[in-house]
């Protein structure tokens, strides 16, 4: 099952959610360098969101872009 999370008008696919306490060092401070290392390690993750209890490692869903293509139509006649 794929979890989609909406935040500030953007949508994200959540690949991992890890409890915040896993990133707290001995001094009780969140180690953001460790969070960045995890973000870079996980495949397709390009963004990290934080809740009260977890870090959400997410992939940004890009807005759709309409591309107009012109097709060259070649008419073939058979005799």
C-alpha atoms as a PDB file:
ATOM      1  CA  UNK A   1       0.000   0.000   0.000  1.00  0.00           C
ATOM      2  CA  UNK A   2       1.263   3.441  -0.943  1.00  0.00           C
ATOM      3  CA  UNK A   3       0.770   6.269   1.543  1.00  0.00           C
ATOM      4  CA  UNK A   4       0.307   9.717   0.015  1.00  0.00           C
ATOM      5  CA  UNK A   5       0.712  12.730   2.290  1.00  0.00           C
ATOM      6  CA  UNK A   6      -0.310  16.285   1.435  1.00  0.00           C
ATOM      7  CA  UNK A   7       1.618  19.173   3.015  1.00  0.00           C
ATOM      8  CA  UNK A   8       1.504  22.878   2.049  1.00  0.00           C
ATOM      9  CA  UNK A   9      -0.203  22.155  -1.266  1.00  0.00           C
ATOM     10  CA  UNK A  10       2.299  19.491  -2.350  1.00  0.00           C
ATOM     11  CA  UNK A  11       1.814  15.746  -2.387  1.00  0.00           C
ATOM     12  CA  UNK A  12       4.400  13.206  -1.295  1.00  0.00           C
ATOM     13  CA  UNK A  13       4.743   9.439  -1.407  1.00  0.00           C
ATOM     14  CA  UNK A  14       5.892   8.265   2.018  1.00  0.00           C
ATOM     15  CA  UNK A  15       8.542   5.555   1.671  1.00  0.00           C
ATOM     16  CA  UNK A  16       9.613   5.309   5.323  1.00  0.00           C
ATOM     17  CA  UNK A  17       8.477   6.697   8.643  1.00  0.00           C
ATOM     18  CA  UNK A  18      11.002   6.444  11.445  1.00  0.00           C
ATOM     19  CA  UNK A  19      10.385   7.465  15.059  1.00  0.00           C
ATOM     20  CA  UNK A  20      12.051  10.715  16.030  1.00  0.00           C
ATOM     21  CA  UNK A  21      13.837   9.165  19.017  1.00  0.00           C
ATOM     22  CA  UNK A  22      16.076   7.180  16.636  1.00  0.00           C
ATOM     23  CA  UNK A  23      17.759  10.440  15.589  1.00  0.00           C
ATOM     24  CA  UNK A  24      18.303  11.976  19.044  1.00  0.00           C
ATOM     25  CA  UNK A  25      21.917  12.038  20.260  1.00  0.00           C
ATOM     26  CA  UNK A  26      23.174  11.614  23.833  1.00  0.00           C
ATOM     27  CA  UNK A  27      22.629  15.308  24.556  1.00  0.00           C
ATOM     28  CA  UNK A  28      18.955  14.987  23.576  1.00  0.00           C
ATOM     29  CA  UNK A  29      19.342  16.976  20.352  1.00  0.00           C
ATOM     30  CA  UNK A  30      18.036  15.756  16.994  1.00  0.00           C
ATOM     31  CA  UNK A  31      20.990  14.897  14.740  1.00  0.00           C
ATOM     32  CA  UNK A  32      19.943  16.462  11.434  1.00  0.00           C
ATOM     33  CA  UNK A  33      23.088  15.210   9.691  1.00  0.00           C
ATOM     34  CA  UNK A  34      21.926  11.659  10.387  1.00  0.00           C
ATOM     35  CA  UNK A  35      18.479  12.525   8.999  1.00  0.00           C
ATOM     36  CA  UNK A  36      20.125  13.870   5.812  1.00  0.00           C
ATOM     37  CA  UNK A  37      22.261  10.728   5.494  1.00  0.00           C
ATOM     38  CA  UNK A  38      19.145   8.554   5.718  1.00  0.00           C
ATOM     39  CA  UNK A  39      17.349  10.713   3.163  1.00  0.00           C
ATOM     40  CA  UNK A  40      20.228  10.299   0.728  1.00  0.00           C
ATOM     41  CA  UNK A  41      20.456   6.554   1.401  1.00  0.00           C
ATOM     42  CA  UNK A  42      16.817   5.676   0.719  1.00  0.00           C
ATOM     43  CA  UNK A  43      15.927   5.122  -2.939  1.00  0.00           C
ATOM     44  CA  UNK A  44      13.641   7.797  -4.484  1.00  0.00           C
ATOM     45  CA  UNK A  45      13.503   9.888  -1.291  1.00  0.00           C
ATOM     46  CA  UNK A  46      14.068  13.595  -1.932  1.00  0.00           C
ATOM     47  CA  UNK A  47      12.307  15.216   1.022  1.00  0.00           C
ATOM     48  CA  UNK A  48      11.903  14.733   4.770  1.00  0.00           C
ATOM     49  CA  UNK A  49       8.843  15.820   6.719  1.00  0.00           C
ATOM     50  CA  UNK A  50       8.620  15.896  10.489  1.00  0.00           C
ATOM     51  CA  UNK A  51       5.614  15.136  12.656  1.00  0.00           C
ATOM     52  CA  UNK A  52       5.507  15.285  16.442  1.00  0.00           C
ATOM     53  CA  UNK A  53       6.720  11.700  16.686  1.00  0.00           C
ATOM     54  CA  UNK A  54       8.275  10.687  13.328  1.00  0.00           C
ATOM     55  CA  UNK A  55      10.396  11.711  10.389  1.00  0.00           C
ATOM     56  CA  UNK A  56       8.657  10.917   7.100  1.00  0.00           C
ATOM     57  CA  UNK A  57      11.049  10.093   4.267  1.00  0.00           C
ATOM     58  CA  UNK A  58       9.203  11.034   1.120  1.00  0.00           C
ATOM     59  CA  UNK A  59       9.298  11.356  -2.642  1.00  0.00           C
ATOM     60  CA  UNK A  60       7.823  14.544  -4.077  1.00  0.00           C
ATOM     61  CA  UNK A  61       5.023  13.975  -6.577  1.00  0.00           C
ATOM     62  CA  UNK A  62       5.721  16.371  -9.416  1.00  0.00           C
ATOM     63  CA  UNK A  63       2.902  18.373 -10.971  1.00  0.00           C
ATOM     64  CA  UNK A  64       1.728  17.132 -14.342  1.00  0.00           C
ATOM     65  CA  UNK A  65       3.137  18.968 -17.314  1.00  0.00           C
ATOM     66  CA  UNK A  66       1.205  19.032 -20.566  1.00  0.00           C
ATOM     67  CA  UNK A  67       3.410  18.634 -23.589  1.00  0.00           C
ATOM     68  CA  UNK A  68       1.889  19.383 -26.947  1.00  0.00           C
ATOM     69  CA  UNK A  69       3.295  17.298 -29.731  1.00  0.00           C
ATOM     70  CA  UNK A  70       2.796  17.785 -33.413  1.00  0.00           C
ATOM     71  CA  UNK A  71       2.560  14.622 -35.400  1.00  0.00           C
ATOM     72  CA  UNK A  72       3.561  14.331 -38.990  1.00  0.00           C
ATOM     73  CA  UNK A  73       0.868  12.286 -40.619  1.00  0.00           C
ATOM     74  CA  UNK A  74       1.919  10.439 -43.718  1.00  0.00           C
ATOM     75  CA  UNK A  75      -0.806   9.250 -46.023  1.00  0.00           C
ATOM     76  CA  UNK A  76      -0.100   6.051 -47.856  1.00  0.00           C
ATOM     77  CA  UNK A  77      -2.208   4.979 -50.768  1.00  0.00           C
ATOM     78  CA  UNK A  78      -2.196   1.498 -52.176  1.00  0.00           C
ATOM     79  CA  UNK A  79      -3.070   0.783 -55.814  1.00  0.00           C
END
